[in-house]
């Protein structure tokens, strides 16, 4: 069986290279294929893999672009959100989706959201869940600050690198 650290390193290597696909055959006819398409890595693994061996995703953090009202015409902002106005862009960062999946703001439909606009967060604060292939992946902040905006709806499908949260860090 391939070790999770070996798989992670292979994924990083393919992601940083111009290679589109890499297949490695191991012992006992085990095979791992890593395919990169449009900046999204896809791992196809033939053999057994334990759910506990799946790593927690690392959120992608980037500097925020100028903040504008991102609601389409005719739609109102979320109930829990106030429209973003006069945000100092130099101290605002986005937290982006670390993978393709479905965004969930709370652990269960009946639960309160992990965070709301105006909440103070720290580096270990769970912000949401991104479900990918029936696995629920908790997304931690990895930065401290105040949640300025939540850019996606509960239950919305998100793409790799898509901005999810705006956080004022200073």
N, C-alpha and C. Protein backbone atom coordinates (compact mmCIF):
# COMPACT_ATOMS: atom_id res chain seq x y z
N UNK A 1 0.85 -1.18 0.00
CA UNK A 1 0.00 0.00 0.00
C UNK A 1 0.89 1.24 0.00
N UNK A 2 0.53 2.26 -0.75
CA UNK A 2 1.28 3.50 -0.78
C UNK A 2 1.06 4.25 0.52
N UNK A 3 2.09 4.89 1.01
CA UNK A 3 1.99 5.69 2.22
C UNK A 3 1.43 7.06 1.85
N UNK A 4 0.65 7.63 2.76
CA UNK A 4 -0.01 8.91 2.48
C UNK A 4 1.01 10.01 2.20
N UNK A 5 2.14 10.00 2.89
CA UNK A 5 3.17 11.02 2.63
C UNK A 5 3.74 10.89 1.23
N UNK A 6 3.86 9.66 0.74
CA UNK A 6 4.34 9.45 -0.63
C UNK A 6 3.32 9.99 -1.62
N UNK A 7 2.05 9.74 -1.36
CA UNK A 7 0.99 10.23 -2.25
C UNK A 7 0.97 11.76 -2.27
N UNK A 8 1.07 12.38 -1.08
CA UNK A 8 1.09 13.84 -0.99
C UNK A 8 2.25 14.42 -1.80
N UNK A 9 3.43 13.83 -1.65
CA UNK A 9 4.60 14.33 -2.35
C UNK A 9 4.44 14.18 -3.87
N UNK A 10 3.86 13.07 -4.31
CA UNK A 10 3.61 12.89 -5.75
C UNK A 10 2.63 13.95 -6.27
N UNK A 11 1.59 14.21 -5.50
CA UNK A 11 0.61 15.23 -5.91
C UNK A 11 1.28 16.59 -6.01
N UNK A 12 2.10 16.96 -5.00
CA UNK A 12 2.81 18.24 -5.05
C UNK A 12 3.74 18.32 -6.26
N UNK A 13 4.44 17.24 -6.53
CA UNK A 13 5.38 17.22 -7.65
C UNK A 13 4.65 17.42 -8.98
N UNK A 14 3.55 16.71 -9.18
CA UNK A 14 2.78 16.85 -10.41
C UNK A 14 2.19 18.25 -10.50
N UNK A 15 1.68 18.77 -9.38
CA UNK A 15 1.07 20.09 -9.37
C UNK A 15 2.06 21.18 -9.77
N UNK A 16 3.31 21.05 -9.35
CA UNK A 16 4.34 22.07 -9.63
C UNK A 16 4.98 21.91 -11.00
N UNK A 17 4.72 20.81 -11.66
CA UNK A 17 5.39 20.54 -12.93
C UNK A 17 4.44 20.79 -14.11
N UNK A 18 4.96 20.55 -15.29
CA UNK A 18 4.14 20.65 -16.50
C UNK A 18 3.57 19.30 -16.89
N UNK A 19 3.81 18.29 -16.04
CA UNK A 19 3.30 16.94 -16.30
C UNK A 19 1.78 16.96 -16.17
N UNK A 20 1.09 16.34 -17.10
CA UNK A 20 -0.36 16.27 -17.07
C UNK A 20 -0.87 15.05 -16.35
N UNK A 21 -0.10 13.94 -16.40
CA UNK A 21 -0.53 12.70 -15.77
C UNK A 21 0.68 11.88 -15.39
N UNK A 22 0.59 11.23 -14.22
CA UNK A 22 1.67 10.38 -13.74
C UNK A 22 1.05 9.10 -13.20
N UNK A 23 1.56 7.94 -13.66
CA UNK A 23 1.09 6.64 -13.17
C UNK A 23 2.29 5.90 -12.60
N UNK A 24 2.11 5.38 -11.38
CA UNK A 24 3.17 4.61 -10.73
C UNK A 24 2.56 3.29 -10.29
N UNK A 25 3.27 2.21 -10.62
CA UNK A 25 2.83 0.88 -10.21
C UNK A 25 3.70 0.41 -9.06
N UNK A 26 3.05 -0.11 -8.02
CA UNK A 26 3.76 -0.58 -6.84
C UNK A 26 3.64 -2.08 -6.70
N UNK A 27 3.90 -2.54 -5.50
CA UNK A 27 3.83 -3.96 -5.20
C UNK A 27 2.38 -4.44 -5.27
N UNK A 28 2.21 -5.74 -5.47
CA UNK A 28 0.88 -6.38 -5.45
C UNK A 28 -0.10 -5.74 -6.42
N UNK A 29 0.39 -5.33 -7.58
CA UNK A 29 -0.43 -4.72 -8.63
C UNK A 29 -1.15 -3.44 -8.18
N UNK A 30 -0.63 -2.78 -7.16
CA UNK A 30 -1.19 -1.49 -6.76
C UNK A 30 -0.73 -0.44 -7.76
N UNK A 31 -1.60 0.51 -8.01
CA UNK A 31 -1.29 1.54 -8.99
C UNK A 31 -1.87 2.85 -8.51
N UNK A 32 -1.16 3.94 -8.73
CA UNK A 32 -1.68 5.27 -8.44
C UNK A 32 -1.48 6.12 -9.68
N UNK A 33 -2.54 6.81 -10.07
CA UNK A 33 -2.49 7.72 -11.21
C UNK A 33 -2.89 9.10 -10.72
N UNK A 34 -2.07 10.08 -11.01
CA UNK A 34 -2.36 11.46 -10.66
C UNK A 34 -2.52 12.23 -11.96
N UNK A 35 -3.68 12.83 -12.13
CA UNK A 35 -3.98 13.58 -13.35
C UNK A 35 -4.23 15.03 -12.98
N UNK A 36 -3.63 15.95 -13.73
CA UNK A 36 -3.81 17.38 -13.49
C UNK A 36 -4.57 17.96 -14.68
N UNK A 37 -5.71 18.58 -14.39
CA UNK A 37 -6.50 19.21 -15.44
C UNK A 37 -6.92 20.59 -14.98
N UNK A 38 -6.58 21.61 -15.72
CA UNK A 38 -6.98 22.98 -15.45
C UNK A 38 -6.78 23.35 -13.98
N UNK A 39 -5.57 23.14 -13.45
CA UNK A 39 -5.19 23.49 -12.09
C UNK A 39 -5.91 22.70 -11.01
N UNK A 40 -6.56 21.59 -11.35
CA UNK A 40 -7.21 20.76 -10.34
C UNK A 40 -6.58 19.38 -10.43
N UNK A 41 -6.02 18.90 -9.33
CA UNK A 41 -5.43 17.56 -9.31
C UNK A 41 -6.49 16.53 -8.99
N UNK A 42 -6.46 15.43 -9.69
CA UNK A 42 -7.41 14.34 -9.45
C UNK A 42 -6.60 13.09 -9.19
N UNK A 43 -6.89 12.41 -8.12
CA UNK A 43 -6.16 11.20 -7.79
C UNK A 43 -7.07 10.01 -8.00
N UNK A 44 -6.59 9.05 -8.78
CA UNK A 44 -7.31 7.80 -8.99
C UNK A 44 -6.43 6.72 -8.41
N UNK A 45 -6.94 6.00 -7.44
CA UNK A 45 -6.14 5.02 -6.72
C UNK A 45 -6.83 3.68 -6.81
N UNK A 46 -6.13 2.68 -7.33
CA UNK A 46 -6.69 1.35 -7.37
C UNK A 46 -6.05 0.55 -6.25
N UNK A 47 -6.84 0.07 -5.36
CA UNK A 47 -6.37 -0.62 -4.18
C UNK A 47 -7.16 -0.11 -2.99
N UNK A 48 -6.76 -0.50 -1.80
CA UNK A 48 -7.48 -0.08 -0.62
C UNK A 48 -6.83 1.16 -0.04
N UNK A 49 -7.65 2.07 0.43
CA UNK A 49 -7.16 3.24 1.13
C UNK A 49 -8.09 3.49 2.30
N UNK A 50 -7.52 3.73 3.45
CA UNK A 50 -8.34 3.96 4.63
C UNK A 50 -8.75 5.42 4.67
N UNK A 51 -9.99 5.66 5.09
CA UNK A 51 -10.50 7.02 5.14
C UNK A 51 -9.64 7.90 6.04
N UNK A 52 -9.10 7.33 7.11
CA UNK A 52 -8.26 8.11 8.02
C UNK A 52 -6.95 8.53 7.37
N UNK A 53 -6.59 7.93 6.25
CA UNK A 53 -5.35 8.27 5.57
C UNK A 53 -5.51 9.49 4.66
N UNK A 54 -6.74 9.95 4.45
CA UNK A 54 -6.97 11.11 3.61
C UNK A 54 -6.55 12.35 4.40
N UNK A 55 -5.66 13.19 3.86
CA UNK A 55 -5.20 14.35 4.61
C UNK A 55 -6.27 15.43 4.68
N UNK A 56 -6.17 16.26 5.72
CA UNK A 56 -7.04 17.42 5.79
C UNK A 56 -6.57 18.41 4.74
N UNK A 57 -7.49 19.04 4.02
CA UNK A 57 -7.07 19.98 2.99
C UNK A 57 -6.48 21.25 3.60
N UNK A 58 -5.58 21.87 2.87
CA UNK A 58 -5.01 23.12 3.30
C UNK A 58 -5.70 24.23 2.52
N UNK A 59 -6.31 25.20 3.21
CA UNK A 59 -6.98 26.26 2.47
C UNK A 59 -5.99 27.10 1.68
N UNK A 60 -6.43 27.61 0.59
CA UNK A 60 -5.62 28.48 -0.24
C UNK A 60 -5.93 29.90 0.20
N UNK A 61 -4.90 30.65 0.59
CA UNK A 61 -5.10 32.01 1.09
C UNK A 61 -4.42 32.96 0.13
N UNK A 62 -5.15 33.98 -0.30
CA UNK A 62 -4.60 34.94 -1.25
C UNK A 62 -5.05 36.34 -0.87
N UNK A 63 -4.35 37.34 -1.40
CA UNK A 63 -4.77 38.72 -1.18
C UNK A 63 -6.08 38.97 -1.89
N UNK A 64 -6.95 39.74 -1.28
CA UNK A 64 -8.27 39.99 -1.85
C UNK A 64 -8.21 41.01 -2.97
N UNK A 65 -9.06 40.82 -3.94
CA UNK A 65 -9.24 41.81 -5.01
C UNK A 65 -10.16 42.90 -4.47
N UNK A 66 -10.30 44.02 -5.17
CA UNK A 66 -11.23 45.04 -4.70
C UNK A 66 -12.61 44.45 -4.44
N UNK A 67 -13.17 44.84 -3.31
CA UNK A 67 -14.45 44.28 -2.88
C UNK A 67 -15.59 45.04 -3.54
N UNK A 68 -16.47 44.31 -4.17
CA UNK A 68 -17.66 44.87 -4.78
C UNK A 68 -18.83 44.03 -4.35
N UNK A 69 -20.03 44.56 -4.43
CA UNK A 69 -21.20 43.76 -4.11
C UNK A 69 -21.28 42.66 -5.13
N UNK A 70 -21.17 41.41 -4.69
CA UNK A 70 -21.08 40.29 -5.61
C UNK A 70 -22.40 39.59 -5.85
N UNK A 71 -23.49 40.15 -5.38
CA UNK A 71 -24.80 39.54 -5.60
C UNK A 71 -25.30 39.91 -6.99
N UNK A 72 -25.84 38.97 -7.74
CA UNK A 72 -26.41 39.29 -9.04
C UNK A 72 -27.58 40.25 -8.88
N UNK A 73 -27.90 41.04 -9.93
CA UNK A 73 -29.01 41.97 -9.84
C UNK A 73 -30.30 41.23 -9.46
N UNK A 74 -31.07 41.85 -8.58
CA UNK A 74 -32.35 41.27 -8.19
C UNK A 74 -32.27 40.31 -7.02
N UNK A 75 -31.04 39.96 -6.56
CA UNK A 75 -30.90 39.07 -5.40
C UNK A 75 -30.47 39.89 -4.20
N UNK A 76 -30.90 39.46 -3.03
CA UNK A 76 -30.52 40.12 -1.79
C UNK A 76 -29.37 39.38 -1.14
N UNK A 77 -28.52 40.07 -0.39
CA UNK A 77 -27.45 39.38 0.34
C UNK A 77 -28.04 38.40 1.35
N UNK A 78 -27.21 37.47 1.82
CA UNK A 78 -27.64 36.50 2.82
C UNK A 78 -28.24 37.23 4.01
N UNK A 79 -29.15 36.57 4.70
CA UNK A 79 -29.75 37.16 5.89
C UNK A 79 -28.68 37.51 6.92
N UNK A 80 -27.71 36.63 7.10
CA UNK A 80 -26.70 36.83 8.14
C UNK A 80 -25.59 37.77 7.69
N UNK A 81 -25.68 38.28 6.47
CA UNK A 81 -24.61 39.11 5.96
C UNK A 81 -25.09 40.52 5.67
N UNK A 82 -24.26 41.46 6.02
CA UNK A 82 -24.52 42.83 5.62
C UNK A 82 -23.66 43.07 4.38
N UNK A 83 -24.11 43.93 3.45
CA UNK A 83 -23.29 44.21 2.28
C UNK A 83 -21.94 44.78 2.70
N UNK A 84 -20.91 44.40 1.97
CA UNK A 84 -19.56 44.86 2.28
C UNK A 84 -19.36 46.24 1.69
N UNK A 85 -18.96 47.18 2.53
CA UNK A 85 -18.68 48.53 2.05
C UNK A 85 -17.44 49.06 2.76
N UNK A 86 -16.66 49.84 2.06
CA UNK A 86 -15.50 50.51 2.62
C UNK A 86 -14.55 49.58 3.37
N UNK A 87 -14.20 48.46 2.76
CA UNK A 87 -13.26 47.53 3.36
C UNK A 87 -11.86 47.92 2.88
N UNK A 88 -10.93 48.06 3.82
CA UNK A 88 -9.55 48.37 3.48
C UNK A 88 -8.91 47.15 2.83
N UNK A 89 -8.68 47.23 1.53
CA UNK A 89 -8.21 46.08 0.77
C UNK A 89 -6.82 45.62 1.17
N UNK A 90 -6.01 46.51 1.74
CA UNK A 90 -4.65 46.12 2.10
C UNK A 90 -4.63 45.17 3.29
N UNK A 91 -5.66 45.18 4.11
CA UNK A 91 -5.68 44.31 5.28
C UNK A 91 -6.71 43.20 5.15
N UNK A 92 -7.21 42.98 3.93
CA UNK A 92 -8.23 41.96 3.71
C UNK A 92 -7.63 40.82 2.89
N UNK A 93 -7.89 39.59 3.35
CA UNK A 93 -7.44 38.41 2.62
C UNK A 93 -8.64 37.53 2.33
N UNK A 94 -8.52 36.78 1.25
CA UNK A 94 -9.57 35.81 0.96
C UNK A 94 -9.11 34.44 1.41
N UNK A 95 -10.07 33.62 1.80
CA UNK A 95 -9.82 32.21 2.05
C UNK A 95 -10.55 31.49 0.95
N UNK A 96 -9.80 30.73 0.17
CA UNK A 96 -10.32 30.09 -1.03
C UNK A 96 -10.56 28.60 -0.81
N UNK A 97 -11.40 28.03 -1.65
CA UNK A 97 -11.71 26.60 -1.57
C UNK A 97 -10.45 25.79 -1.89
N UNK A 98 -10.11 24.83 -1.03
CA UNK A 98 -8.93 24.02 -1.28
C UNK A 98 -9.18 22.88 -2.26
N UNK A 99 -10.44 22.71 -2.68
CA UNK A 99 -10.80 21.61 -3.57
C UNK A 99 -12.17 21.89 -4.17
N UNK A 100 -12.54 21.11 -5.15
CA UNK A 100 -13.89 21.15 -5.71
C UNK A 100 -14.80 20.38 -4.76
N UNK A 101 -15.96 20.92 -4.49
CA UNK A 101 -16.89 20.21 -3.60
C UNK A 101 -18.11 21.06 -3.30
N UNK A 102 -18.86 20.65 -2.29
CA UNK A 102 -20.06 21.36 -1.88
C UNK A 102 -19.78 22.07 -0.56
N UNK A 103 -20.08 23.36 -0.50
CA UNK A 103 -19.85 24.20 0.67
C UNK A 103 -20.99 24.05 1.66
N UNK A 104 -20.66 23.75 2.91
CA UNK A 104 -21.65 23.71 3.98
C UNK A 104 -21.19 24.63 5.11
N UNK A 105 -22.06 25.53 5.53
CA UNK A 105 -21.71 26.51 6.55
C UNK A 105 -21.83 25.98 7.97
N UNK A 106 -22.45 24.80 8.15
CA UNK A 106 -22.63 24.23 9.48
C UNK A 106 -22.47 22.71 9.42
N UNK A 107 -22.23 22.07 10.58
CA UNK A 107 -22.01 20.63 10.56
C UNK A 107 -23.26 19.82 10.22
N UNK A 108 -24.43 20.34 10.54
CA UNK A 108 -25.70 19.68 10.18
C UNK A 108 -26.68 20.76 9.74
N UNK A 109 -27.72 20.38 9.00
CA UNK A 109 -28.68 21.39 8.56
C UNK A 109 -29.36 22.13 9.72
N UNK A 110 -29.49 21.49 10.88
CA UNK A 110 -30.15 22.12 12.01
C UNK A 110 -29.20 22.99 12.84
N UNK A 111 -27.90 22.84 12.67
CA UNK A 111 -26.91 23.54 13.48
C UNK A 111 -26.73 24.98 13.04
N UNK A 112 -26.20 25.77 13.96
CA UNK A 112 -25.81 27.14 13.65
C UNK A 112 -24.57 27.12 12.75
N UNK A 113 -24.37 28.14 11.92
CA UNK A 113 -23.16 28.17 11.08
C UNK A 113 -21.90 28.23 11.93
N UNK A 114 -20.82 27.70 11.38
CA UNK A 114 -19.53 27.78 12.08
C UNK A 114 -19.16 29.24 12.35
N UNK A 115 -19.28 30.10 11.33
CA UNK A 115 -18.95 31.52 11.48
C UNK A 115 -19.98 32.37 10.75
N UNK A 116 -20.09 33.61 11.21
CA UNK A 116 -20.97 34.59 10.58
C UNK A 116 -20.15 35.85 10.29
N UNK A 117 -20.69 36.72 9.46
CA UNK A 117 -20.05 38.00 9.19
C UNK A 117 -19.93 38.75 10.52
N UNK A 118 -18.74 39.28 10.78
CA UNK A 118 -18.48 40.01 12.02
C UNK A 118 -17.80 39.17 13.08
N UNK A 119 -17.78 37.85 12.93
CA UNK A 119 -17.13 36.98 13.91
C UNK A 119 -15.61 37.15 13.86
N UNK A 120 -14.99 37.07 15.03
CA UNK A 120 -13.53 37.05 15.12
C UNK A 120 -13.09 35.59 14.99
N UNK A 121 -12.07 35.36 14.17
CA UNK A 121 -11.58 34.00 13.98
C UNK A 121 -10.09 33.95 14.29
N UNK A 122 -9.61 32.76 14.63
CA UNK A 122 -8.18 32.54 14.84
C UNK A 122 -7.72 31.47 13.86
N UNK A 123 -6.45 31.14 13.95
CA UNK A 123 -5.85 30.24 12.97
C UNK A 123 -6.46 28.84 12.96
N UNK A 124 -7.05 28.40 14.06
CA UNK A 124 -7.61 27.05 14.13
C UNK A 124 -9.13 27.02 14.06
N UNK A 125 -9.75 28.15 13.79
CA UNK A 125 -11.20 28.22 13.72
C UNK A 125 -11.71 27.46 12.50
N UNK A 126 -12.66 26.55 12.72
CA UNK A 126 -13.30 25.85 11.60
C UNK A 126 -14.30 26.83 10.97
N UNK A 127 -14.18 27.03 9.66
CA UNK A 127 -15.02 27.99 8.95
C UNK A 127 -16.22 27.33 8.28
N UNK A 128 -16.01 26.13 7.75
CA UNK A 128 -17.06 25.48 6.98
C UNK A 128 -16.63 24.04 6.71
N UNK A 129 -17.47 23.34 5.98
CA UNK A 129 -17.15 22.00 5.49
C UNK A 129 -17.22 22.06 3.97
N UNK A 130 -16.25 21.44 3.31
CA UNK A 130 -16.31 21.24 1.87
C UNK A 130 -16.40 19.74 1.66
N UNK A 131 -17.54 19.30 1.15
CA UNK A 131 -17.75 17.88 0.89
C UNK A 131 -17.22 17.54 -0.49
N UNK A 132 -16.37 16.53 -0.54
CA UNK A 132 -15.83 16.07 -1.81
C UNK A 132 -15.85 14.55 -1.80
N UNK A 133 -16.53 13.97 -2.75
CA UNK A 133 -16.61 12.51 -2.90
C UNK A 133 -17.04 11.84 -1.59
N UNK A 134 -18.09 12.36 -0.99
CA UNK A 134 -18.69 11.83 0.24
C UNK A 134 -17.81 11.98 1.48
N UNK A 135 -16.71 12.72 1.38
CA UNK A 135 -15.87 13.00 2.54
C UNK A 135 -16.11 14.44 2.98
N UNK A 136 -16.36 14.62 4.28
CA UNK A 136 -16.59 15.94 4.84
C UNK A 136 -15.25 16.50 5.32
N UNK A 137 -14.77 17.56 4.68
CA UNK A 137 -13.48 18.15 4.98
C UNK A 137 -13.69 19.48 5.68
N UNK A 138 -13.30 19.58 6.96
CA UNK A 138 -13.42 20.84 7.68
C UNK A 138 -12.32 21.78 7.20
N UNK A 139 -12.70 23.02 6.93
CA UNK A 139 -11.76 24.04 6.47
C UNK A 139 -11.44 24.95 7.63
N UNK A 140 -10.16 25.00 8.04
CA UNK A 140 -9.72 25.86 9.13
C UNK A 140 -9.16 27.16 8.55
N UNK A 141 -9.25 28.23 9.33
CA UNK A 141 -8.92 29.57 8.85
C UNK A 141 -7.45 29.74 8.48
N UNK A 142 -6.53 29.32 9.32
CA UNK A 142 -5.09 29.51 9.15
C UNK A 142 -4.65 30.97 9.17
N UNK A 143 -5.58 31.90 9.41
CA UNK A 143 -5.27 33.31 9.65
C UNK A 143 -6.20 33.80 10.74
N UNK A 144 -5.84 34.90 11.37
CA UNK A 144 -6.68 35.50 12.40
C UNK A 144 -7.26 36.80 11.87
N UNK A 145 -8.46 37.13 12.33
CA UNK A 145 -9.07 38.38 11.93
C UNK A 145 -10.57 38.34 12.09
N UNK A 146 -11.24 39.23 11.36
CA UNK A 146 -12.70 39.35 11.41
C UNK A 146 -13.28 38.95 10.06
N UNK A 147 -14.31 38.10 10.10
CA UNK A 147 -14.99 37.70 8.86
C UNK A 147 -15.76 38.91 8.34
N UNK A 148 -15.38 39.37 7.15
CA UNK A 148 -16.00 40.55 6.55
C UNK A 148 -17.14 40.15 5.62
N UNK A 149 -16.99 39.01 4.92
CA UNK A 149 -18.03 38.57 3.99
C UNK A 149 -17.90 37.06 3.77
N UNK A 150 -19.04 36.43 3.56
CA UNK A 150 -19.10 35.03 3.14
C UNK A 150 -19.61 35.06 1.71
N UNK A 151 -18.79 34.59 0.80
CA UNK A 151 -19.01 34.81 -0.63
C UNK A 151 -19.82 33.72 -1.32
N UNK A 152 -20.19 32.66 -0.61
CA UNK A 152 -20.94 31.57 -1.22
C UNK A 152 -22.14 31.21 -0.34
N UNK A 153 -23.10 30.55 -0.95
CA UNK A 153 -24.32 30.11 -0.26
C UNK A 153 -24.13 28.70 0.30
N UNK A 154 -24.83 28.40 1.38
CA UNK A 154 -24.83 27.05 1.93
C UNK A 154 -25.36 26.08 0.87
N UNK A 155 -24.66 24.96 0.67
CA UNK A 155 -25.07 23.96 -0.30
C UNK A 155 -24.58 24.23 -1.72
N UNK A 156 -23.87 25.32 -1.93
CA UNK A 156 -23.38 25.69 -3.26
C UNK A 156 -22.15 24.87 -3.62
N UNK A 157 -22.06 24.45 -4.87
CA UNK A 157 -20.87 23.76 -5.37
C UNK A 157 -19.80 24.81 -5.60
N UNK A 158 -18.58 24.53 -5.10
CA UNK A 158 -17.47 25.47 -5.24
C UNK A 158 -16.36 24.82 -6.03
N UNK A 159 -15.57 25.65 -6.68
CA UNK A 159 -14.44 25.20 -7.49
C UNK A 159 -13.14 25.38 -6.71
N UNK A 160 -12.12 24.65 -7.12
CA UNK A 160 -10.79 24.81 -6.52
C UNK A 160 -10.34 26.26 -6.65
N UNK A 161 -9.91 26.87 -5.55
CA UNK A 161 -9.41 28.24 -5.58
C UNK A 161 -10.48 29.30 -5.54
N UNK A 162 -11.76 28.94 -5.53
CA UNK A 162 -12.84 29.92 -5.50
C UNK A 162 -12.87 30.63 -4.15
N UNK A 163 -12.94 31.96 -4.13
CA UNK A 163 -13.01 32.68 -2.85
C UNK A 163 -14.27 32.30 -2.07
N UNK A 164 -14.09 31.97 -0.79
CA UNK A 164 -15.20 31.60 0.08
C UNK A 164 -15.46 32.67 1.15
N UNK A 165 -14.39 33.21 1.73
CA UNK A 165 -14.51 34.17 2.83
C UNK A 165 -13.57 35.34 2.60
N UNK A 166 -14.01 36.53 3.02
CA UNK A 166 -13.14 37.70 3.11
C UNK A 166 -12.87 37.92 4.59
N UNK A 167 -11.60 38.08 4.94
CA UNK A 167 -11.21 38.25 6.34
C UNK A 167 -10.34 39.50 6.47
N UNK A 168 -10.73 40.38 7.39
CA UNK A 168 -9.94 41.56 7.70
C UNK A 168 -8.92 41.15 8.74
N UNK A 169 -7.63 41.26 8.39
CA UNK A 169 -6.57 40.70 9.24
C UNK A 169 -5.91 41.72 10.14
N UNK A 170 -6.07 43.00 9.89
CA UNK A 170 -5.40 43.99 10.74
C UNK A 170 -6.35 45.06 11.18
